[in-house]
C-alpha atoms as a PDB file:
ATOM      1  CA  MET A   1       5.700 -20.682  67.283  1.00  0.00           C
ATOM      2  CA  SER A   2       2.938 -18.140  67.938  1.00  0.00           C
ATOM      3  CA  LEU A   3       3.234 -14.386  68.428  1.00  0.00           C
ATOM      4  CA  SER A   4       0.953 -12.387  70.702  1.00  0.00           C
ATOM      5  CA  ILE A   5       0.676  -8.575  70.775  1.00  0.00           C
ATOM      6  CA  GLN A   6      -1.311  -6.969  73.568  1.00  0.00           C
ATOM      7  CA  ASN A   7      -2.200  -3.307  74.119  1.00  0.00           C
ATOM      8  CA  LEU A   8       0.746  -2.050  72.064  1.00  0.00           C
ATOM      9  CA  TYR A   9       1.001   1.685  71.459  1.00  0.00           C
ATOM     10  CA  LYS A  10       3.509   4.164  70.063  1.00  0.00           C
ATOM     11  CA  THR A  11       3.636   7.947  69.631  1.00  0.00           C
ATOM     12  CA  PHE A  12       6.021  10.263  67.773  1.00  0.00           C
ATOM     13  CA  ASN A  13       6.177  13.829  69.109  1.00  0.00           C
ATOM     14  CA  GLY A  14       2.639  13.587  70.407  1.00  0.00           C
ATOM     15  CA  HIS A  15       1.283  11.988  67.221  1.00  0.00           C
ATOM     16  CA  VAL A  16      -0.295   8.578  67.775  1.00  0.00           C
ATOM     17  CA  ALA A  17       1.367   6.075  65.431  1.00  0.00           C
ATOM     18  CA  LEU A  18      -0.126   2.934  66.993  1.00  0.00           C
ATOM     19  CA  GLU A  19      -3.235   2.929  69.159  1.00  0.00           C
ATOM     20  CA  ARG A  20      -3.690  -0.074  71.488  1.00  0.00           C
ATOM     21  CA  ILE A  21      -2.883  -2.875  69.059  1.00  0.00           C
ATOM     22  CA  HIS A  22      -4.048  -6.408  69.865  1.00  0.00           C
ATOM     23  CA  LEU A  23      -3.009  -9.148  67.446  1.00  0.00           C
ATOM     24  CA  ASP A  24      -2.160 -12.859  67.448  1.00  0.00           C
ATOM     25  CA  ILE A  25      -0.185 -14.724  64.786  1.00  0.00           C
ATOM     26  CA  ALA A  26      -0.528 -18.492  64.944  1.00  0.00           C
ATOM     27  CA  SER A  27       2.075 -21.071  64.018  1.00  0.00           C
ATOM     28  CA  SER A  28       2.550 -21.420  60.228  1.00  0.00           C
ATOM     29  CA  GLU A  29       0.147 -18.514  59.577  1.00  0.00           C
ATOM     30  CA  PHE A  30       0.780 -15.948  56.823  1.00  0.00           C
ATOM     31  CA  VAL A  31      -0.514 -12.555  58.000  1.00  0.00           C
ATOM     32  CA  CYS A  32      -0.554  -9.323  55.976  1.00  0.00           C
ATOM     33  CA  LEU A  33      -0.598  -5.862  57.507  1.00  0.00           C
ATOM     34  CA  LEU A  34      -2.548  -3.907  54.918  1.00  0.00           C
ATOM     35  CA  GLY A  35      -3.276  -0.198  54.800  1.00  0.00           C
ATOM     36  CA  PRO A  36      -2.429   3.147  53.197  1.00  0.00           C
ATOM     37  CA  SER A  37       0.864   4.977  53.729  1.00  0.00           C
ATOM     38  CA  GLY A  38       1.182   6.349  57.253  1.00  0.00           C
ATOM     39  CA  CYS A  39      -1.316   3.931  58.827  1.00  0.00           C
ATOM     40  CA  GLY A  40       1.294   2.428  61.200  1.00  0.00           C
ATOM     41  CA  LYS A  41       1.927  -0.943  59.594  1.00  0.00           C
ATOM     42  CA  THR A  42       5.700  -0.506  59.144  1.00  0.00           C
ATOM     43  CA  THR A  43       6.007   0.979  62.643  1.00  0.00           C
ATOM     44  CA  LEU A  44       4.317  -2.140  64.021  1.00  0.00           C
ATOM     45  CA  LEU A  45       6.630  -4.417  62.036  1.00  0.00           C
ATOM     46  CA  ARG A  46       9.741  -2.573  63.248  1.00  0.00           C
ATOM     47  CA  ILE A  47       8.608  -2.801  66.870  1.00  0.00           C
ATOM     48  CA  ILE A  48       8.037  -6.542  66.504  1.00  0.00           C
ATOM     49  CA  ALA A  49      11.488  -6.889  64.937  1.00  0.00           C
ATOM     50  CA  GLY A  50      13.100  -5.022  67.823  1.00  0.00           C
ATOM     51  CA  LEU A  51      14.288  -2.157  65.603  1.00  0.00           C
ATOM     52  CA  LEU A  52      12.014   0.338  67.365  1.00  0.00           C
ATOM     53  CA  ALA A  53      10.842   0.576  70.970  1.00  0.00           C
ATOM     54  CA  ALA A  54       7.145   0.732  71.841  1.00  0.00           C
ATOM     55  CA  ASP A  55       5.810   3.186  74.418  1.00  0.00           C
ATOM     56  CA  GLY A  56       3.801   0.441  76.083  1.00  0.00           C
ATOM     57  CA  GLY A  57       2.183  -2.938  75.660  1.00  0.00           C
ATOM     58  CA  ARG A  58       3.522  -6.461  75.416  1.00  0.00           C
ATOM     59  CA  ILE A  59       4.929  -8.672  72.651  1.00  0.00           C
ATOM     60  CA  SER A  60       5.495 -12.338  73.414  1.00  0.00           C
ATOM     61  CA  LEU A  61       6.597 -15.358  71.415  1.00  0.00           C
ATOM     62  CA  ASP A  62       5.184 -18.607  72.781  1.00  0.00           C
ATOM     63  CA  GLY A  63       4.636 -16.816  76.088  1.00  0.00           C
ATOM     64  CA  ARG A  64       8.186 -15.385  76.275  1.00  0.00           C
ATOM     65  CA  ASP A  65       8.289 -11.595  76.668  1.00  0.00           C
ATOM     66  CA  LEU A  66      10.396 -10.010  73.915  1.00  0.00           C
ATOM     67  CA  ALA A  67      10.599  -6.496  75.376  1.00  0.00           C
ATOM     68  CA  ALA A  68      14.075  -6.923  76.839  1.00  0.00           C
ATOM     69  CA  LEU A  69      15.524  -8.789  73.851  1.00  0.00           C
ATOM     70  CA  PRO A  70      17.492  -6.816  71.210  1.00  0.00           C
ATOM     71  CA  ALA A  71      16.728  -7.485  67.553  1.00  0.00           C
ATOM     72  CA  ARG A  72      19.696  -9.806  67.028  1.00  0.00           C
ATOM     73  CA  GLU A  73      18.523 -12.127  69.821  1.00  0.00           C
ATOM     74  CA  ARG A  74      14.892 -12.450  68.754  1.00  0.00           C
ATOM     75  CA  GLY A  75      15.660 -15.021  66.087  1.00  0.00           C
ATOM     76  CA  PHE A  76      13.535 -13.362  63.397  1.00  0.00           C
ATOM     77  CA  GLY A  77      14.246 -13.229  59.680  1.00  0.00           C
ATOM     78  CA  ILE A  78      13.680  -9.837  58.047  1.00  0.00           C
ATOM     79  CA  VAL A  79      13.369  -8.927  54.359  1.00  0.00           C
ATOM     80  CA  PHE A  80      13.085  -5.269  53.360  1.00  0.00           C
ATOM     81  CA  GLN A  81      11.883  -3.571  50.179  1.00  0.00           C
ATOM     82  CA  SER A  82      15.490  -2.891  49.168  1.00  0.00           C
ATOM     83  CA  TYR A  83      17.438  -6.095  48.708  1.00  0.00           C
ATOM     84  CA  SER A  84      20.302  -4.929  50.999  1.00  0.00           C
ATOM     85  CA  LEU A  85      22.715  -7.534  49.665  1.00  0.00           C
ATOM     86  CA  PHE A  86      26.453  -7.118  50.126  1.00  0.00           C
ATOM     87  CA  PRO A  87      27.700  -6.291  46.601  1.00  0.00           C
ATOM     88  CA  HIS A  88      31.245  -7.531  47.257  1.00  0.00           C
ATOM     89  CA  MET A  89      30.051 -10.960  48.429  1.00  0.00           C
ATOM     90  CA  THR A  90      28.914 -13.850  46.280  1.00  0.00           C
ATOM     91  CA  ILE A  91      25.321 -15.055  46.471  1.00  0.00           C
ATOM     92  CA  ALA A  92      26.438 -17.998  48.612  1.00  0.00           C
ATOM     93  CA  GLN A  93      28.300 -15.680  50.984  1.00  0.00           C
ATOM     94  CA  ASN A  94      25.277 -13.387  51.257  1.00  0.00           C
ATOM     95  CA  ILE A  95      22.950 -16.256  52.121  1.00  0.00           C
ATOM     96  CA  GLY A  96      25.364 -17.763  54.624  1.00  0.00           C
ATOM     97  CA  TYR A  97      26.301 -14.478  56.307  1.00  0.00           C
ATOM     98  CA  GLY A  98      23.954 -14.894  59.267  1.00  0.00           C
ATOM     99  CA  LEU A  99      25.224 -18.405  59.891  1.00  0.00           C
ATOM    100  CA  GLN A 100      28.829 -17.242  59.629  1.00  0.00           C
ATOM    101  CA  ILE A 101      28.466 -14.599  62.347  1.00  0.00           C
ATOM    102  CA  ARG A 102      26.869 -17.300  64.509  1.00  0.00           C
ATOM    103  CA  LYS A 103      30.109 -19.292  64.016  1.00  0.00           C
ATOM    104  CA  THR A 104      28.364 -22.186  62.265  1.00  0.00           C
ATOM    105  CA  PRO A 105      30.843 -24.735  60.814  1.00  0.00           C
ATOM    106  CA  ALA A 106      31.734 -24.066  57.177  1.00  0.00           C
ATOM    107  CA  ALA A 107      30.461 -27.440  55.968  1.00  0.00           C
ATOM    108  CA  ALA A 108      27.063 -26.831  57.580  1.00  0.00           C
ATOM    109  CA  ILE A 109      26.896 -23.355  56.027  1.00  0.00           C
ATOM    110  CA  ALA A 110      27.673 -24.707  52.562  1.00  0.00           C
ATOM    111  CA  GLU A 111      25.020 -27.402  52.907  1.00  0.00           C
ATOM    112  CA  ARG A 112      22.389 -24.915  54.118  1.00  0.00           C
ATOM    113  CA  VAL A 113      23.212 -22.451  51.321  1.00  0.00           C
ATOM    114  CA  GLN A 114      22.805 -25.109  48.632  1.00  0.00           C
ATOM    115  CA  GLU A 115      19.524 -26.217  50.178  1.00  0.00           C
ATOM    116  CA  LEU A 116      18.152 -22.665  50.155  1.00  0.00           C
ATOM    117  CA  LEU A 117      19.317 -21.987  46.611  1.00  0.00           C
ATOM    118  CA  GLU A 118      17.113 -24.909  45.614  1.00  0.00           C
ATOM    119  CA  VAL A 119      14.220 -23.595  47.723  1.00  0.00           C
ATOM    120  CA  VAL A 120      14.267 -20.154  46.037  1.00  0.00           C
ATOM    121  CA  ARG A 121      14.893 -21.696  42.593  1.00  0.00           C
ATOM    122  CA  LEU A 122      18.410 -20.357  42.094  1.00  0.00           C
ATOM    123  CA  PRO A 123      20.532 -23.533  41.907  1.00  0.00           C
ATOM    124  CA  GLY A 124      23.979 -22.892  40.474  1.00  0.00           C
ATOM    125  CA  PHE A 125      23.891 -19.163  41.300  1.00  0.00           C
ATOM    126  CA  GLY A 126      26.071 -19.393  44.419  1.00  0.00           C
ATOM    127  CA  GLU A 127      29.267 -18.020  42.833  1.00  0.00           C
ATOM    128  CA  ARG A 128      27.623 -15.049  41.149  1.00  0.00           C
ATOM    129  CA  TYR A 129      27.478 -11.540  42.585  1.00  0.00           C
ATOM    130  CA  PRO A 130      24.332  -9.453  43.267  1.00  0.00           C
ATOM    131  CA  GLY A 131      25.111  -7.122  40.356  1.00  0.00           C
ATOM    132  CA  GLN A 132      24.823 -10.074  37.986  1.00  0.00           C
ATOM    133  CA  LEU A 133      21.245 -10.855  39.025  1.00  0.00           C
ATOM    134  CA  SER A 134      17.902  -9.317  38.147  1.00  0.00           C
ATOM    135  CA  GLY A 135      15.804  -7.538  40.771  1.00  0.00           C
ATOM    136  CA  GLY A 136      13.546 -10.543  41.263  1.00  0.00           C
ATOM    137  CA  GLN A 137      16.540 -12.861  41.654  1.00  0.00           C
ATOM    138  CA  GLN A 138      18.157 -10.536  44.194  1.00  0.00           C
ATOM    139  CA  GLN A 139      14.973 -10.511  46.251  1.00  0.00           C
ATOM    140  CA  ARG A 140      14.960 -14.309  46.227  1.00  0.00           C
ATOM    141  CA  VAL A 141      18.492 -14.198  47.620  1.00  0.00           C
ATOM    142  CA  ALA A 142      17.341 -11.785  50.345  1.00  0.00           C
ATOM    143  CA  ILE A 143      14.552 -14.200  51.253  1.00  0.00           C
ATOM    144  CA  ALA A 144      16.992 -17.122  51.330  1.00  0.00           C
ATOM    145  CA  ARG A 145      19.324 -15.141  53.601  1.00  0.00           C
ATOM    146  CA  ALA A 146      16.435 -14.478  56.005  1.00  0.00           C
ATOM    147  CA  LEU A 147      15.524 -18.186  56.022  1.00  0.00           C
ATOM    148  CA  ALA A 148      19.103 -19.400  56.507  1.00  0.00           C
ATOM    149  CA  VAL A 149      19.078 -18.986  60.297  1.00  0.00           C
ATOM    150  CA  ASN A 150      15.822 -20.960  60.718  1.00  0.00           C
ATOM    151  CA  PRO A 151      13.879 -17.943  61.995  1.00  0.00           C
ATOM    152  CA  SER A 152      11.035 -18.380  64.458  1.00  0.00           C
ATOM    153  CA  LEU A 153       9.179 -15.597  62.612  1.00  0.00           C
ATOM    154  CA  LEU A 154       9.634 -14.147  59.120  1.00  0.00           C
ATOM    155  CA  LEU A 155       9.043 -10.394  58.752  1.00  0.00           C
ATOM    156  CA  LEU A 156       8.585  -8.904  55.275  1.00  0.00           C
ATOM    157  CA  ASP A 157       8.448  -5.128  54.729  1.00  0.00           C
ATOM    158  CA  GLU A 158       6.918  -4.604  51.257  1.00  0.00           C
ATOM    159  CA  PRO A 159       9.450  -7.044  49.776  1.00  0.00           C
ATOM    160  CA  LEU A 160       7.945  -7.058  46.277  1.00  0.00           C
ATOM    161  CA  SER A 161       6.989  -3.424  45.719  1.00  0.00           C
ATOM    162  CA  ALA A 162      10.221  -2.506  43.886  1.00  0.00           C
ATOM    163  CA  LEU A 163       9.693  -5.195  41.240  1.00  0.00           C
ATOM    164  CA  ASP A 164       7.819  -4.889  37.961  1.00  0.00           C
ATOM    165  CA  ALA A 165       4.281  -6.269  37.819  1.00  0.00           C
ATOM    166  CA  ARG A 166       4.976  -9.580  36.065  1.00  0.00           C
ATOM    167  CA  VAL A 167       7.932 -10.474  38.291  1.00  0.00           C
ATOM    168  CA  ARG A 168       5.964  -9.427  41.384  1.00  0.00           C
ATOM    169  CA  VAL A 169       3.069 -11.766  40.596  1.00  0.00           C
ATOM    170  CA  GLY A 170       5.373 -14.720  40.013  1.00  0.00           C
ATOM    171  CA  LEU A 171       7.512 -14.105  43.080  1.00  0.00           C
ATOM    172  CA  ARG A 172       4.588 -13.723  45.473  1.00  0.00           C
ATOM    173  CA  GLN A 173       3.374 -17.174  44.413  1.00  0.00           C
ATOM    174  CA  GLU A 174       6.836 -18.615  45.019  1.00  0.00           C
ATOM    175  CA  LEU A 175       7.167 -16.858  48.381  1.00  0.00           C
ATOM    176  CA  ARG A 176       3.821 -18.227  49.522  1.00  0.00           C
ATOM    177  CA  GLU A 177       4.801 -21.753  48.437  1.00  0.00           C
ATOM    178  CA  VAL A 178       8.100 -21.528  50.350  1.00  0.00           C
ATOM    179  CA  GLN A 179       6.337 -20.242  53.481  1.00  0.00           C
ATOM    180  CA  GLN A 180       3.774 -23.045  53.373  1.00  0.00           C
ATOM    181  CA  ARG A 181       6.433 -25.689  52.765  1.00  0.00           C
ATOM    182  CA  LEU A 182       8.610 -24.538  55.678  1.00  0.00           C
ATOM    183  CA  GLY A 183       5.701 -23.680  58.001  1.00  0.00           C
ATOM    184  CA  ILE A 184       7.248 -20.430  59.270  1.00  0.00           C
ATOM    185  CA  PRO A 185       4.797 -17.892  60.759  1.00  0.00           C
ATOM    186  CA  THR A 186       5.083 -14.822  58.543  1.00  0.00           C
ATOM    187  CA  LEU A 187       4.063 -11.179  58.873  1.00  0.00           C
ATOM    188  CA  MET A 188       4.182  -9.046  55.724  1.00  0.00           C
ATOM    189  CA  VAL A 189       3.588  -5.317  55.302  1.00  0.00           C
ATOM    190  CA  THR A 190       1.926  -4.238  52.068  1.00  0.00           C
ATOM    191  CA  HIS A 191      -0.340  -1.527  50.672  1.00  0.00           C
ATOM    192  CA  ASP A 192      -1.348  -3.700  47.715  1.00  0.00           C
ATOM    193  CA  GLN A 193      -4.795  -5.234  48.274  1.00  0.00           C
ATOM    194  CA  GLU A 194      -4.372  -7.837  45.528  1.00  0.00           C
ATOM    195  CA  GLU A 195      -1.044  -8.922  46.980  1.00  0.00           C
ATOM    196  CA  ALA A 196      -2.533  -9.321  50.463  1.00  0.00           C
ATOM    197  CA  MET A 197      -5.610 -11.175  49.225  1.00  0.00           C
ATOM    198  CA  SER A 198      -3.610 -13.632  47.111  1.00  0.00           C
ATOM    199  CA  MET A 199      -1.026 -14.469  49.802  1.00  0.00           C
ATOM    200  CA  ALA A 200      -2.496 -14.090  53.277  1.00  0.00           C
ATOM    201  CA  ASP A 201      -4.300 -16.517  55.546  1.00  0.00           C
ATOM    202  CA  LYS A 202      -5.303 -13.464  57.557  1.00  0.00           C
ATOM    203  CA  ILE A 203      -5.355  -9.755  56.714  1.00  0.00           C
ATOM    204  CA  VAL A 204      -4.972  -7.023  59.332  1.00  0.00           C
ATOM    205  CA  CYS A 205      -6.450  -3.875  57.779  1.00  0.00           C
ATOM    206  CA  MET A 206      -5.030  -0.751  59.446  1.00  0.00           C
ATOM    207  CA  ASN A 207      -5.933   2.924  59.329  1.00  0.00           C
ATOM    208  CA  ALA A 208      -4.525   5.875  61.308  1.00  0.00           C
ATOM    209  CA  GLY A 209      -2.668   3.660  63.776  1.00  0.00           C
ATOM    210  CA  ARG A 210      -5.665   1.431  64.502  1.00  0.00           C
ATOM    211  CA  ILE A 211      -6.687  -2.039  63.430  1.00  0.00           C
ATOM    212  CA  GLU A 212      -9.964  -1.654  61.543  1.00  0.00           C
ATOM    213  CA  GLN A 213     -10.635  -5.354  60.969  1.00  0.00           C
ATOM    214  CA  VAL A 214      -8.879  -8.724  61.097  1.00  0.00           C
ATOM    215  CA  GLY A 215     -10.024 -11.704  59.069  1.00  0.00           C
ATOM    216  CA  SER A 216      -9.546 -13.832  55.990  1.00  0.00           C
ATOM    217  CA  PRO A 217      -9.372 -12.086  52.605  1.00  0.00           C
ATOM    218  CA  ARG A 218     -12.898 -13.312  51.859  1.00  0.00           C
ATOM    219  CA  GLU A 219     -14.260 -11.978  55.156  1.00  0.00           C
ATOM    220  CA  LEU A 220     -12.802  -8.501  54.690  1.00  0.00           C
ATOM    221  CA  TYR A 221     -13.913  -8.242  51.086  1.00  0.00           C
ATOM    222  CA  LEU A 222     -17.431  -9.613  51.399  1.00  0.00           C
ATOM    223  CA  HIS A 223     -18.227  -8.624  54.992  1.00  0.00           C
ATOM    224  CA  PRO A 224     -16.385  -5.403  55.899  1.00  0.00           C
ATOM    225  CA  ARG A 225     -17.073  -4.167  59.422  1.00  0.00           C
ATOM    226  CA  THR A 226     -16.197  -0.507  58.827  1.00  0.00           C
ATOM    227  CA  ARG A 227     -16.671   2.002  56.031  1.00  0.00           C
ATOM    228  CA  PHE A 228     -12.893   2.291  55.642  1.00  0.00           C
ATOM    229  CA  VAL A 229     -12.489  -1.450  55.009  1.00  0.00           C
ATOM    230  CA  ALA A 230     -15.403  -1.427  52.580  1.00  0.00           C
ATOM    231  CA  ASP A 231     -13.821   1.423  50.639  1.00  0.00           C
ATOM    232  CA  PHE A 232     -10.175   0.328  50.880  1.00  0.00           C
ATOM    233  CA  MET A 233     -10.531  -3.366  50.010  1.00  0.00           C
ATOM    234  CA  GLY A 234     -10.930  -3.268  46.255  1.00  0.00           C
ATOM    235  CA  HIS A 235     -13.605  -1.156  44.580  1.00  0.00           C
ATOM    236  CA  SER A 236     -16.957  -0.477  46.193  1.00  0.00           C
ATOM    237  CA  ASN A 237     -20.208   1.434  45.823  1.00  0.00           C
ATOM    238  CA  LEU A 238     -21.398   2.923  49.120  1.00  0.00           C
ATOM    239  CA  LEU A 239     -25.084   3.744  48.984  1.00  0.00           C
ATOM    240  CA  PRO A 240     -27.251   5.431  51.622  1.00  0.00           C
ATOM    241  CA  ALA A 241     -30.346   3.553  52.715  1.00  0.00           C
ATOM    242  CA  ASP A 242     -32.768   5.342  50.378  1.00  0.00           C
ATOM    243  CA  ALA A 243     -30.676   4.520  47.298  1.00  0.00           C
ATOM    244  CA  ALA A 244     -30.053   0.960  48.491  1.00  0.00           C
ATOM    245  CA  ALA A 245     -33.797   0.382  48.828  1.00  0.00           C
ATOM    246  CA  GLN A 246     -34.232   1.020  45.107  1.00  0.00           C
ATOM    247  CA  LEU A 247     -32.024  -1.892  44.121  1.00  0.00           C
ATOM    248  CA  LEU A 248     -33.792  -5.195  43.554  1.00  0.00           C
ATOM    249  CA  ALA A 249     -32.333  -8.674  43.675  1.00  0.00           C
ATOM    250  CA  GLU A 250     -34.354 -11.183  41.668  1.00  0.00           C
ATOM    251  CA  GLY A 251     -37.561  -9.363  42.491  1.00  0.00           C
ATOM    252  CA  GLN A 252     -36.948  -9.184  46.235  1.00  0.00           C
ATOM    253  CA  PRO A 253     -36.225  -5.842  47.923  1.00  0.00           C
ATOM    254  CA  ILE A 254     -33.142  -5.463  50.066  1.00  0.00           C
ATOM    255  CA  ALA A 255     -33.811  -5.741  53.777  1.00  0.00           C
ATOM    256  CA  PRO A 256     -33.860  -2.347  55.522  1.00  0.00           C
ATOM    257  CA  PRO A 257     -30.689  -1.149  57.248  1.00  0.00           C
ATOM    258  CA  PRO A 258     -30.279  -2.642  60.744  1.00  0.00           C
ATOM    259  CA  ALA A 259     -29.683   0.805  62.291  1.00  0.00           C
ATOM    260  CA  GLU A 260     -29.795   4.479  61.405  1.00  0.00           C
ATOM    261  CA  GLY A 261     -26.914   6.074  59.555  1.00  0.00           C
ATOM    262  CA  MET A 262     -25.996   2.954  57.571  1.00  0.00           C
ATOM    263  CA  GLU A 263     -24.635   2.612  54.047  1.00  0.00           C
ATOM    264  CA  LEU A 264     -24.783  -0.400  51.771  1.00  0.00           C
ATOM    265  CA  CYS A 265     -21.462  -1.642  50.367  1.00  0.00           C
ATOM    266  CA  VAL A 266     -22.011  -3.183  46.945  1.00  0.00           C
ATOM    267  CA  ARG A 267     -19.034  -4.521  45.020  1.00  0.00           C
ATOM    268  CA  PRO A 268     -18.889  -3.650  41.291  1.00  0.00           C
ATOM    269  CA  GLU A 269     -19.060  -7.299  40.205  1.00  0.00           C
ATOM    270  CA  HIS A 270     -22.262  -7.776  42.205  1.00  0.00           C
ATOM    271  CA  LEU A 271     -24.236  -5.328  40.090  1.00  0.00           C
ATOM    272  CA  ARG A 272     -25.984  -6.382  36.894  1.00  0.00           C
ATOM    273  CA  LEU A 273     -26.587  -4.129  33.887  1.00  0.00           C
ATOM    274  CA  THR A 274     -29.311  -4.719  31.317  1.00  0.00           C
ATOM    275  CA  PRO A 275     -29.520  -2.415  28.266  1.00  0.00           C
ATOM    276  CA  ARG A 276     -33.050  -1.093  28.087  1.00  0.00           C
ATOM    277  CA  ALA A 277     -34.475   2.038  26.495  1.00  0.00           C
ATOM    278  CA  GLY A 278     -35.843   4.458  29.072  1.00  0.00           C
ATOM    279  CA  ALA A 279     -34.130   2.703  32.006  1.00  0.00           C
ATOM    280  CA  GLY A 280     -32.924   4.797  34.956  1.00  0.00           C
ATOM    281  CA  GLY A 281     -29.201   4.237  34.442  1.00  0.00           C
ATOM    282  CA  ARG A 282     -26.853   5.652  31.811  1.00  0.00           C
ATOM    283  CA  VAL A 283     -23.408   4.404  30.799  1.00  0.00           C
ATOM    284  CA  VAL A 284     -20.838   7.171  31.282  1.00  0.00           C
ATOM    285  CA  ALA A 285     -17.622   5.335  30.394  1.00  0.00           C
ATOM    286  CA  VAL A 286     -16.397   1.823  29.624  1.00  0.00           C
ATOM    287  CA  SER A 287     -12.850   0.601  30.399  1.00  0.00           C
ATOM    288  CA  PHE A 288     -11.864  -2.636  28.651  1.00  0.00           C
ATOM    289  CA  LEU A 289      -9.527  -4.758  30.849  1.00  0.00           C
ATOM    290  CA  GLY A 290      -9.371  -8.023  28.941  1.00  0.00           C
ATOM    291  CA  SER A 291     -11.580 -10.606  30.634  1.00  0.00           C
ATOM    292  CA  ILE A 292     -13.657  -7.905  32.350  1.00  0.00           C
ATOM    293  CA  GLN A 293     -14.718  -4.338  31.726  1.00  0.00           C
ATOM    294  CA  ARG A 294     -15.339  -1.601  34.282  1.00  0.00           C
ATOM    295  CA  VAL A 295     -18.372   0.502  33.539  1.00  0.00           C
ATOM    296  CA  GLN A 296     -19.115   3.869  35.095  1.00  0.00           C
ATOM    297  CA  VAL A 297     -22.858   4.374  35.357  1.00  0.00           C
ATOM    298  CA  GLN A 298     -24.929   7.386  36.344  1.00  0.00           C
ATOM    299  CA  TRP A 299     -27.911   6.064  38.318  1.00  0.00           C
ATOM    300  CA  GLN A 300     -30.475   7.946  40.414  1.00  0.00           C
ATOM    301  CA  GLY A 301     -28.157  10.950  40.493  1.00  0.00           C
ATOM    302  CA  ARG A 302     -25.232   8.845  41.755  1.00  0.00           C
ATOM    303  CA  ALA A 303     -22.095   7.454  40.136  1.00  0.00           C
ATOM    304  CA  LEU A 304     -21.777   3.657  40.267  1.00  0.00           C
ATOM    305  CA  LEU A 305     -18.894   1.411  39.249  1.00  0.00           C
ATOM    306  CA  VAL A 306     -19.918  -1.912  37.695  1.00  0.00           C
ATOM    307  CA  GLU A 307     -17.787  -4.847  36.517  1.00  0.00           C
ATOM    308  CA  THR A 308     -19.131  -7.094  33.779  1.00  0.00           C
ATOM    309  CA  GLY A 309     -17.750  -9.685  31.416  1.00  0.00           C
ATOM    310  CA  SER A 310     -16.045  -8.151  28.405  1.00  0.00           C
ATOM    311  CA  ASP A 311     -18.441 -10.022  26.117  1.00  0.00           C
ATOM    312  CA  VAL A 312     -21.251  -7.664  27.202  1.00  0.00           C
ATOM    313  CA  ALA A 313     -21.379  -4.898  24.588  1.00  0.00           C
ATOM    314  CA  LEU A 314     -22.088  -1.548  26.238  1.00  0.00           C
ATOM    315  CA  GLN A 315     -21.743   1.904  24.720  1.00  0.00           C
ATOM    316  CA  GLU A 316     -21.275   5.309  26.306  1.00  0.00           C
ATOM    317  CA  GLY A 317     -24.616   7.064  26.684  1.00  0.00           C
ATOM    318  CA  GLU A 318     -26.577   3.803  26.558  1.00  0.00           C
ATOM    319  CA  ALA A 319     -29.575   3.456  28.904  1.00  0.00           C
ATOM    320  CA  VAL A 320     -29.267   0.522  31.299  1.00  0.00           C
ATOM    321  CA  GLU A 321     -31.252  -1.042  34.113  1.00  0.00           C
ATOM    322  CA  VAL A 322     -29.211  -1.547  37.286  1.00  0.00           C
ATOM    323  CA  ALA A 323     -29.930  -4.488  39.600  1.00  0.00           C
ATOM    324  CA  LEU A 324     -28.210  -6.309  42.433  1.00  0.00           C
ATOM    325  CA  ALA A 325     -27.059  -9.840  41.645  1.00  0.00           C
ATOM    326  CA  GLY A 326     -27.969 -11.168  45.104  1.00  0.00           C
ATOM    327  CA  VAL A 327     -28.706  -9.936  48.625  1.00  0.00           C
ATOM    328  CA  ALA A 328     -25.914 -12.040  50.137  1.00  0.00           C
ATOM    329  CA  SER A 329     -23.289 -10.162  48.116  1.00  0.00           C
ATOM    330  CA  CYS A 330     -23.462  -6.858  50.005  1.00  0.00           C
ATOM    331  CA  ALA A 331     -22.830  -5.564  53.515  1.00  0.00           C
ATOM    332  CA  TRP A 332     -24.110  -2.742  55.699  1.00  0.00           C
ATOM    333  CA  VAL A 333     -21.519  -0.398  57.215  1.00  0.00           C
ATOM    334  CA  ARG A 334     -21.889   2.650  59.436  1.00  0.00           C
ATOM    335  CA  ALA A 335     -21.561   5.954  57.608  1.00  0.00           C
ATOM    336  CA  ASP A 336     -19.765   7.504  60.610  1.00  0.00           C
ATOM    337  CA  GLY A 337     -16.813   5.101  60.168  1.00  0.00           C
ATOM    338  CA  LYS A 338     -17.301   3.154  63.397  1.00  0.00           C
ATOM    339  CA  ALA A 339     -17.283  -0.637  63.389  1.00  0.00           C
ATOM    340  CA  PHE A 340     -20.498  -2.548  62.839  1.00  0.00           C
ATOM    341  CA  ALA A 341     -20.906  -6.274  63.418  1.00  0.00           C
ATOM    342  CA  PRO A 342     -24.145  -7.650  62.007  1.00  0.00           C
ATOM    343  CA  ALA A 343     -25.985 -10.482  63.733  1.00  0.00           C
ATOM    344  CA  GLY A 344     -26.004 -13.635  61.623  1.00  0.00           C
ATOM    345  CA  ASP A 345     -24.211 -14.581  58.443  1.00  0.00           C
ATOM    346  CA  GLY A 346     -26.213 -12.610  55.897  1.00  0.00           C
ATOM    347  CA  PRO A 347     -25.752  -8.867  56.520  1.00  0.00           C
ATOM    348  CA  CYS A 348     -28.252  -7.885  53.832  1.00  0.00           C
ATOM    349  CA  ALA A 349     -30.644 -10.809  53.818  1.00  0.00           C
END
């Protein structure tokens, strides 16, 4: 199955919620809609699900137009942030509910429920009730319920955000494994960059109702096409051309910006600090994070964020030399926020 979205738009009381969205989701692909609150990602998901009508545009599944189909006839599985389980039903009854309303034979329902309990690693939990399960276990049940009807597309609306950090990390790995094993095309809404980068084949980064950039996690992180993507995807240092020219990489100056009004996006881990008396940088603060440390540096009148190994001993107030680890580890973006696509593979070389 493949989903195609063409020229989709939506407004609320004159406010543009989605602005001419074009997007394709291939068979077996895991796609994350990533962006800040209010960027339109949940609106897009709800329109795809059939829970909200678009003002215009086209959504098709394998060439079949979905506009006239109500949500219940689209054959999609949906998992929301809240588990939305029926508290008076057992886990088995919750998982099999969609099959029951489709009048599937009881024996087939029981077999499918047991199969899915194994898939989401909850064997033997069928006779329990939602109130007897932890939050992470309840979300596994919600995922199993969505998978029970063999959906042509799985839609996930921030399904892990209500869980604590340790459970969230474990469950996103399990969810990704299940999706890969079953080969179901999946679209997930999230505002968590780490979550999107660890799970997605493709990330759709959205801002103010528009798609800023589509690509693999590596592409968006290392080669952002807009200032918003550079700033939103993880941490970044955005330097104007004059400041960028002062950074050296192994003795070679950075190539000049390809156009006027450009800024250089340098990730914190791509900067190198060397303690040296009289150097132009000064350590302002050091945050120890276990395997790494984040260092705030004042350099050439600008604040920089640098990530180093925690074995590098740095003290507040210490003078440091700042250098770029390599010219291939940065990207030019337009300061005015518009998209920029560099020619060639090395945007800074």
